[in-house]
Protein backbone atom coordinates (compact mmCIF):
# COMPACT_ATOMS: atom_id res chain seq x y z
CA UNK A 1 120.18 98.18 82.14
CA UNK A 2 116.63 97.20 81.21
CA UNK A 3 113.91 97.57 83.66
CA UNK A 4 113.41 93.82 84.29
CA UNK A 5 117.20 93.43 84.91
CA UNK A 6 117.09 96.11 87.62
CA UNK A 7 114.22 94.50 89.27
CA UNK A 8 115.81 91.00 89.15
CA UNK A 9 119.06 92.42 90.45
CA UNK A 10 117.24 93.60 93.66
CA UNK A 11 115.60 90.17 93.81
CA UNK A 12 118.97 88.46 93.49
CA UNK A 13 120.51 90.52 96.41
CA UNK A 14 117.79 89.47 98.63
CA UNK A 15 117.83 85.86 97.34
CA UNK A 16 121.56 85.77 98.12
CA UNK A 17 120.88 86.66 101.69
CA UNK A 18 118.23 83.84 101.83
CA UNK A 19 120.68 81.42 100.17
CA UNK A 20 117.96 80.47 97.75
CA UNK A 21 118.80 77.72 95.14
CA UNK A 22 118.87 78.72 91.36
CA UNK A 23 115.87 76.73 90.41
CA UNK A 24 113.71 78.54 92.93
CA UNK A 25 114.97 81.97 91.85
CA UNK A 26 114.00 81.11 88.20
CA UNK A 27 110.57 79.94 89.26
CA UNK A 28 109.88 83.08 91.26
CA UNK A 29 111.14 85.54 88.62
CA UNK A 30 109.57 84.06 85.58
CA UNK A 31 106.10 85.47 84.76
CA UNK A 32 103.19 83.13 84.54
CA UNK A 33 101.88 84.73 81.38
CA UNK A 34 102.84 87.57 78.89
CA UNK A 35 100.37 88.82 76.44
CA UNK A 36 100.94 91.35 73.50
CA UNK A 37 97.86 92.46 71.61
CA UNK A 38 96.85 94.59 68.70
CA UNK A 39 94.78 97.54 69.76
CA UNK A 40 93.07 99.23 66.81
CA UNK A 41 90.76 102.15 67.32
CA UNK A 42 89.24 104.96 65.23
CA UNK A 43 90.63 108.58 65.47
CA UNK A 44 88.25 111.50 65.35
CA UNK A 45 89.19 112.20 61.73
CA UNK A 46 88.22 108.65 60.69
CA UNK A 47 91.61 107.16 60.52
CA UNK A 48 92.31 103.79 62.07
CA UNK A 49 95.20 103.83 64.57
CA UNK A 50 97.00 100.64 65.60
CA UNK A 51 99.08 100.35 68.79
CA UNK A 52 100.35 97.55 70.96
CA UNK A 53 98.88 96.69 74.22
CA UNK A 54 100.40 94.46 76.96
CA UNK A 55 99.43 92.50 80.01
CA UNK A 56 101.95 90.59 82.03
CA UNK A 57 100.67 88.28 84.92
CA UNK A 58 103.63 87.61 87.08
CA UNK A 59 102.56 85.36 90.06
CA UNK A 60 99.32 84.19 91.67
CA UNK A 61 100.66 82.13 94.59
CA UNK A 62 99.11 84.40 97.10
CA UNK A 63 95.88 85.26 95.37
CA UNK A 64 94.47 87.05 92.25
CA UNK A 65 96.97 89.07 90.35
CA UNK A 66 96.76 92.88 90.71
CA UNK A 67 98.44 95.64 88.82
CA UNK A 68 97.95 99.08 87.07
CA UNK A 69 97.24 99.96 83.49
CA UNK A 70 99.42 102.73 82.05
CA UNK A 71 99.26 104.74 78.82
CA UNK A 72 102.75 106.27 78.07
CA UNK A 73 105.02 106.23 74.94
CA UNK A 74 107.75 104.45 76.93
CA UNK A 75 105.58 101.40 77.61
CA UNK A 76 107.06 98.19 76.17
CA UNK A 77 106.88 94.56 77.13
CA UNK A 78 110.13 94.77 79.27
CA UNK A 79 108.79 97.69 81.32
CA UNK A 80 105.59 96.00 81.90
CA UNK A 81 107.26 92.69 82.88
CA UNK A 82 109.41 94.58 85.42
CA UNK A 83 106.43 96.42 86.95
CA UNK A 84 104.42 93.26 87.15
CA UNK A 85 107.16 91.64 89.12
CA UNK A 86 107.40 94.69 91.42
CA UNK A 87 103.65 94.26 92.07
CA UNK A 88 104.21 90.75 93.30
CA UNK A 89 106.66 91.92 95.78
CA UNK A 90 104.69 95.10 96.69
CA UNK A 91 101.55 93.23 97.47
CA UNK A 92 103.44 90.61 99.45
CA UNK A 93 105.45 93.10 101.50
CA UNK A 94 102.21 94.78 102.75
CA UNK A 95 100.64 91.38 103.09
CA UNK A 96 97.73 91.67 100.66
CA UNK A 97 96.21 88.47 99.29
CA UNK A 98 97.34 89.27 95.74
CA UNK A 99 100.00 88.40 93.28
CA UNK A 100 101.41 90.85 90.73
CA UNK A 101 100.35 91.90 87.22
CA UNK A 102 100.76 94.94 85.01
CA UNK A 103 99.49 96.20 81.70
CA UNK A 104 99.82 99.16 79.34
CA UNK A 105 99.62 100.66 75.88
CA UNK A 106 102.64 102.40 74.15
CA UNK A 107 101.00 105.76 73.38
CA UNK A 108 101.06 109.29 74.66
CA UNK A 109 97.52 109.88 76.04
CA UNK A 110 98.09 113.66 75.55
CA UNK A 111 97.80 113.18 71.85
CA UNK A 112 94.31 111.67 72.18
CA UNK A 113 90.97 113.26 72.52
CA UNK A 114 88.63 111.97 75.27
CA UNK A 115 86.63 110.00 72.78
CA UNK A 116 89.76 108.47 71.20
CA UNK A 117 90.89 107.44 74.73
CA UNK A 118 87.62 105.70 75.31
CA UNK A 119 87.63 103.85 71.91
CA UNK A 120 91.21 102.73 72.53
CA UNK A 121 90.54 101.57 75.94
CA UNK A 122 87.43 99.56 74.94
CA UNK A 123 89.32 98.03 72.00
CA UNK A 124 92.05 96.90 74.49
CA UNK A 125 89.40 95.43 76.79
CA UNK A 126 88.11 93.50 73.74
CA UNK A 127 91.53 91.90 73.35
CA UNK A 128 92.32 90.98 77.06
CA UNK A 129 88.82 90.41 78.69
CA UNK A 130 89.25 86.75 78.86
CA UNK A 131 92.35 86.86 80.96
CA UNK A 132 91.29 89.42 83.56
CA UNK A 133 88.58 89.25 86.17
CA UNK A 134 87.73 89.67 89.89
CA UNK A 135 89.19 86.16 90.80
CA UNK A 136 92.19 86.20 88.43
CA UNK A 137 93.65 89.58 87.53
CA UNK A 138 92.28 92.94 88.59
CA UNK A 139 93.60 96.09 86.79
CA UNK A 140 93.79 99.58 88.24
CA UNK A 141 94.90 103.08 87.20
CA UNK A 142 98.51 103.97 86.67
CA UNK A 143 100.43 106.64 84.69
CA UNK A 144 98.23 108.15 81.94
CA UNK A 145 95.09 106.53 83.18
CA UNK A 146 92.44 107.66 85.71
CA UNK A 147 89.11 106.71 87.33
CA UNK A 148 87.31 107.51 84.07
CA UNK A 149 89.38 105.03 82.09
CA UNK A 150 88.56 102.43 84.80
CA UNK A 151 84.94 103.18 84.26
CA UNK A 152 85.15 102.52 80.57
CA UNK A 153 87.18 99.35 81.21
CA UNK A 154 84.60 97.85 83.58
CA UNK A 155 81.63 98.87 81.33
CA UNK A 156 83.36 97.04 78.33
CA UNK A 157 84.31 94.07 80.37
CA UNK A 158 80.80 93.63 81.73
CA UNK A 159 79.36 93.47 78.24
CA UNK A 160 81.11 90.13 78.00
CA UNK A 161 80.70 88.77 81.63
CA UNK A 162 77.89 90.62 83.27
CA UNK A 163 77.87 92.91 86.38
CA UNK A 164 80.80 92.65 88.60
CA UNK A 165 82.39 95.94 89.68
CA UNK A 166 85.27 94.07 91.34
CA UNK A 167 86.93 93.39 87.95
CA UNK A 168 88.79 96.62 88.36
CA UNK A 169 89.69 99.11 91.02
CA UNK A 170 90.29 102.84 90.95
CA UNK A 171 86.77 103.47 89.63
CA UNK A 172 84.85 106.68 90.38
CA UNK A 173 83.11 106.55 93.80
CA UNK A 174 79.79 106.72 92.01
CA UNK A 175 80.73 103.57 90.09
CA UNK A 176 81.56 101.50 93.11
CA UNK A 177 84.92 103.07 93.65
CA UNK A 178 86.52 103.42 97.11
CA UNK A 179 86.57 106.70 99.00
CA UNK A 180 90.15 107.77 99.44
CA UNK A 181 91.51 105.86 96.41
CA UNK A 182 92.85 108.99 94.64
CA UNK A 183 94.76 110.25 97.74
CA UNK A 184 95.94 106.73 98.76
CA UNK A 185 99.48 106.49 97.24
CA UNK A 186 100.45 110.12 98.40
CA UNK A 187 98.94 109.61 101.74
CA UNK A 188 100.78 106.45 102.09
CA UNK A 189 104.12 108.06 101.31
CA UNK A 190 103.32 110.64 104.00
CA UNK A 191 102.35 108.03 106.55
CA UNK A 192 105.62 106.08 105.90
CA UNK A 193 107.68 109.38 106.05
CA UNK A 194 106.40 110.08 109.58
CA UNK A 195 107.13 106.50 110.66
CA UNK A 196 110.63 106.66 109.23
CA UNK A 197 111.48 109.97 110.86
CA UNK A 198 110.45 108.50 114.20
CA UNK A 199 112.84 105.70 113.85
CA UNK A 200 115.70 107.94 113.00
CA UNK A 201 114.76 110.52 115.70
CA UNK A 202 114.05 113.48 113.35
CA UNK A 203 111.13 115.79 114.17
CA UNK A 204 108.83 116.68 111.25
CA UNK A 205 109.39 120.33 111.55
CA UNK A 206 113.19 119.81 111.21
CA UNK A 207 112.85 117.74 108.05
CA UNK A 208 113.20 119.99 104.93
CA UNK A 209 111.51 118.18 102.17
CA UNK A 210 111.70 118.26 98.35
CA UNK A 211 109.16 116.42 96.18
CA UNK A 212 109.95 115.77 92.47
CA UNK A 213 106.63 115.57 90.61
CA UNK A 214 103.29 117.29 91.58
CA UNK A 215 100.90 114.95 89.93
CA UNK A 216 98.50 112.71 91.90
CA UNK A 217 101.11 111.09 94.07
CA UNK A 218 103.31 114.13 94.73
CA UNK A 219 100.59 116.51 95.37
CA UNK A 220 98.89 114.32 97.88
CA UNK A 221 102.13 113.51 99.64
CA UNK A 222 102.90 117.20 99.86
CA UNK A 223 99.42 117.87 101.33
CA UNK A 224 99.84 115.24 103.94
CA UNK A 225 103.37 116.20 104.96
CA UNK A 226 102.38 119.92 105.15
CA UNK A 227 99.53 119.07 107.53
CA UNK A 228 102.10 116.99 109.55
CA UNK A 229 104.32 120.16 109.94
CA UNK A 230 107.07 119.16 107.45
CA UNK A 231 108.53 122.21 105.66
CA UNK A 232 108.04 121.33 102.02
CA UNK A 233 110.75 123.60 100.51
CA UNK A 234 110.43 122.49 96.84
CA UNK A 235 108.12 120.81 94.41
CA UNK A 236 108.34 120.31 90.69
CA UNK A 237 106.73 119.27 87.41
CA UNK A 238 107.70 119.50 83.81
CA UNK A 239 107.57 123.33 83.94
CA UNK A 240 110.34 123.54 86.53
CA UNK A 241 111.03 123.30 90.24
CA UNK A 242 109.64 125.94 92.65
CA UNK A 243 111.65 126.56 95.74
CA UNK A 244 111.04 128.40 99.04
CA UNK A 245 113.66 127.83 101.71
CA UNK A 246 111.14 128.84 104.40
CA UNK A 247 108.55 126.28 103.13
CA UNK A 248 105.89 126.40 100.46
CA UNK A 249 102.33 127.08 101.32
CA UNK A 250 101.07 123.81 99.94
CA UNK A 251 97.36 124.46 100.05
CA UNK A 252 98.02 127.51 97.97
CA UNK A 253 100.12 125.55 95.54
CA UNK A 254 97.46 122.80 95.31
CA UNK A 255 94.74 125.47 94.53
CA UNK A 256 97.03 127.13 91.93
CA UNK A 257 97.64 123.86 90.07
CA UNK A 258 93.90 123.09 90.00
CA UNK A 259 93.19 126.48 88.48
CA UNK A 260 96.04 126.32 86.12
CA UNK A 261 94.91 123.02 84.38
CA UNK A 262 97.21 120.79 86.40
CA UNK A 263 100.39 122.75 85.93
CA UNK A 264 102.80 124.62 88.28
CA UNK A 265 103.90 126.89 85.50
CA UNK A 266 103.61 130.61 86.36
CA UNK A 267 103.51 130.03 90.09
CA UNK A 268 105.00 133.30 91.67
CA UNK A 269 105.45 132.68 95.38
CA UNK A 270 108.76 130.65 95.01
CA UNK A 271 111.97 130.77 93.00
CA UNK A 272 111.86 128.80 89.82
CA UNK A 273 114.79 126.60 88.90
CA UNK A 274 115.33 123.87 86.24
CA UNK A 275 113.21 120.78 87.17
CA UNK A 276 116.16 118.55 87.54
CA UNK A 277 117.93 120.75 89.93
CA UNK A 278 115.42 119.78 92.65
CA UNK A 279 117.10 116.42 93.00
CA UNK A 280 120.38 118.11 94.10
CA UNK A 281 118.96 120.45 96.72
CA UNK A 282 120.44 120.42 100.24
CA UNK A 283 117.38 118.88 102.01
CA UNK A 284 116.75 116.32 104.69
CA UNK A 285 114.20 114.33 102.68
CA UNK A 286 113.95 113.80 98.97
CA UNK A 287 110.78 112.26 97.48
CA UNK A 288 111.03 111.29 93.76
CA UNK A 289 107.37 111.02 92.81
CA UNK A 290 107.58 111.21 89.04
CA UNK A 291 109.24 108.80 86.50
CA UNK A 292 111.58 105.90 86.93
CA UNK A 293 115.34 106.15 86.66
CA UNK A 294 115.64 109.80 87.39
CA UNK A 295 118.68 109.08 89.81
CA UNK A 296 121.42 107.26 88.05
CA UNK A 297 125.16 106.57 88.28
CA UNK A 298 125.67 109.88 86.36
CA UNK A 299 123.94 112.15 88.90
CA UNK A 300 123.87 110.11 92.18
CA UNK A 301 127.08 111.81 93.43
CA UNK A 302 125.18 115.21 93.30
CA UNK A 303 122.42 114.06 95.71
CA UNK A 304 122.66 115.87 99.04
CA UNK A 305 119.45 114.69 100.66
CA UNK A 306 119.88 112.55 103.85
CA UNK A 307 116.84 110.29 103.26
CA UNK A 308 115.05 109.32 100.12
CA UNK A 309 111.50 107.95 99.93
CA UNK A 310 110.76 106.32 96.48
CA UNK A 311 107.18 107.49 95.71
CA UNK A 312 107.64 106.62 92.03
CA UNK A 313 108.37 103.18 90.62
CA UNK A 314 112.01 102.59 90.28
CA UNK A 315 113.29 106.27 90.45
CA UNK A 316 116.86 104.96 91.44
CA UNK A 317 118.63 102.58 89.22
CA UNK A 318 120.82 99.84 90.73
CA UNK A 319 124.20 101.51 90.11
CA UNK A 320 122.90 104.81 91.74
CA UNK A 321 121.39 102.85 94.61
CA UNK A 322 124.91 101.48 95.43
CA UNK A 323 126.42 104.98 95.27
CA UNK A 324 123.76 106.41 97.52
CA UNK A 325 124.06 103.50 100.10
CA UNK A 326 127.91 104.08 100.15
CA UNK A 327 127.04 107.74 101.03
CA UNK A 328 124.94 106.38 103.86
CA UNK A 329 121.72 107.85 102.45
CA UNK A 330 118.77 105.94 103.72
CA UNK A 331 116.30 104.84 101.11
CA UNK A 332 112.76 103.61 101.75
CA UNK A 333 112.11 101.46 98.59
CA UNK A 334 109.22 101.82 96.17
CA UNK A 335 107.72 98.34 96.86
CA UNK A 336 106.85 99.69 100.30
CA UNK A 337 106.83 103.47 99.88
CA UNK A 338 104.21 103.59 97.18
CA UNK A 339 102.10 100.59 98.18
CA UNK A 340 99.19 102.96 99.52
CA UNK A 341 97.38 102.84 96.09
CA UNK A 342 97.31 98.98 95.84
CA UNK A 343 96.38 98.79 99.53
CA UNK A 344 93.16 100.93 99.03
CA UNK A 345 92.68 99.11 95.67
CA UNK A 346 92.38 95.95 97.83
CA UNK A 347 89.91 97.73 100.10
CA UNK A 348 87.78 98.69 97.05
CA UNK A 349 87.88 95.17 95.71
CA UNK A 350 86.81 93.93 99.16
CA UNK A 351 83.93 96.32 99.36
CA UNK A 352 82.80 95.30 95.78
CA UNK A 353 82.87 91.73 96.79
CA UNK A 354 80.84 92.49 99.92
CA UNK A 355 78.48 94.89 98.34
CA UNK A 356 79.20 97.27 101.27
CA UNK A 357 80.80 100.72 101.24
CA UNK A 358 83.29 101.88 103.97
CA UNK A 359 83.57 105.44 105.30
CA UNK A 360 86.65 107.57 104.31
CA UNK A 361 87.67 107.44 107.88
CA UNK A 362 87.76 103.60 107.93
CA UNK A 363 89.62 103.70 104.65
CA UNK A 364 92.38 105.99 105.99
CA UNK A 365 92.50 104.07 109.36
CA UNK A 366 93.03 100.67 107.66
CA UNK A 367 95.53 102.11 105.25
CA UNK A 368 97.53 103.61 108.04
CA UNK A 369 97.40 100.47 110.05
CA UNK A 370 98.36 98.28 107.06
CA UNK A 371 101.37 100.42 105.99
CA UNK A 372 102.58 100.89 109.63
CA UNK A 373 102.59 97.16 110.18
CA UNK A 374 104.47 96.62 106.86
CA UNK A 375 107.07 99.30 107.84
CA UNK A 376 107.72 97.76 111.31
CA UNK A 377 108.21 94.40 109.80
CA UNK A 378 110.68 95.74 107.12
CA UNK A 379 112.47 97.78 109.75
CA UNK A 380 112.95 94.76 111.99
CA UNK A 381 114.08 92.50 109.07
CA UNK A 382 116.63 95.20 108.19
CA UNK A 383 117.94 95.49 111.76
CA UNK A 384 118.02 91.78 112.27
CA UNK A 385 120.00 90.98 109.06
CA UNK A 386 121.98 94.28 108.97
CA UNK A 387 120.82 94.97 105.38
CA UNK A 388 119.26 97.90 103.56
CA UNK A 389 115.60 98.63 103.79
CA UNK A 390 115.24 97.70 100.15
CA UNK A 391 116.87 94.31 100.64
CA UNK A 392 114.83 93.71 103.83
CA UNK A 393 111.49 94.55 101.92
CA UNK A 394 112.51 92.13 99.24
CA UNK A 395 113.45 89.37 101.59
CA UNK A 396 110.09 89.73 103.49
CA UNK A 397 108.11 89.76 100.25
CA UNK A 398 109.92 86.94 98.55
CA UNK A 399 109.63 84.73 101.70
CA UNK A 400 105.89 85.04 101.68
CA UNK A 401 105.62 84.27 98.04
CA UNK A 402 108.00 81.30 98.39
CA UNK A 403 105.95 79.95 101.39
CA UNK A 404 102.65 80.34 99.47
CA UNK A 405 104.21 78.48 96.67
CA UNK A 406 105.44 75.74 98.79
CA UNK A 407 102.11 75.22 100.50
CA UNK A 408 100.25 75.08 97.14
CA UNK A 409 102.75 72.78 95.60
CA UNK A 410 105.42 73.93 93.19
CA UNK A 411 104.05 72.28 90.01
CA UNK A 412 100.30 73.18 90.46
């Protein structure tokens, strides 16, 4: 099943509950604009490399469109289309005044030098600068990109349009970025884990947790949960999974990864097992925080976790989602679970528009409040309609986008 088909299937499940007519479904799922561009840039040896870049703008009924920019070999138009749609529902479920967009380039950033990354990014901006901006479409970092790429993006865009740091978020703090942006997605996962446990009457110290992926999201989620007294018994990256049934010393793991150039490889104070085996551990909470489609119909039957929080985008495919639901495994969906990043991106955009910086404490407080409110709304919707948290989140998001479209006029 293609990525866009998976997203639209979840949309349809919610739309069925809402008894939405077919014409409205088509209107709300069809992207406003899809752009494919040629990105040509010079390699360090003088060769000219040509790759494809994409930007999909899904919906702007609730405000400017917002969405990440990813560099990854699996990036194609269908994936970007699906992620742009997810951003529409993600911003709506946490009630941010945004619509959804997404962009990317189909290339492995590990094959590029820093200078090649910069030249490619600037070439991409040259192709799409006319369709992005602080009042229309605001990109942000995603897989394979970071604050440095955002700084290059902003600098190149401003060559055409003049000073306006609100054109992009996820920038370095020194370049009008927001304090707390780097930790935001992982911190949001931790905040929502605490909220969810309270609802199901499980104490943090009783919740054995495994986190797949120890990149930016997984590592910050692990740090937050460790400080909240969760026993994080396993973490993983491409080098393998590292397990300690008594709980890992996450600050020690964090320090090791920093010193080891971002890798867990060689970490000694845990048992190393194959990376995929982390998914099948007997734990209370499983947090997939790496790639999409890691839990499928093929392996869903092996999952033993009681609760799953989707820190990654689309880590569970629809067939697996049904299997897990039949096993009565509670799933907090990605459109809520990993919304911390876009929430703090909104705070950054607001600060840029106001020309006023917030403190880290204020960013964290506003993030916790926003996600807590969204969680309570989704939980209430789920309880009232007797549907899964995923369907409840989509219903809430879709209803907000639908209402905004109705108020503005369908054909505007």
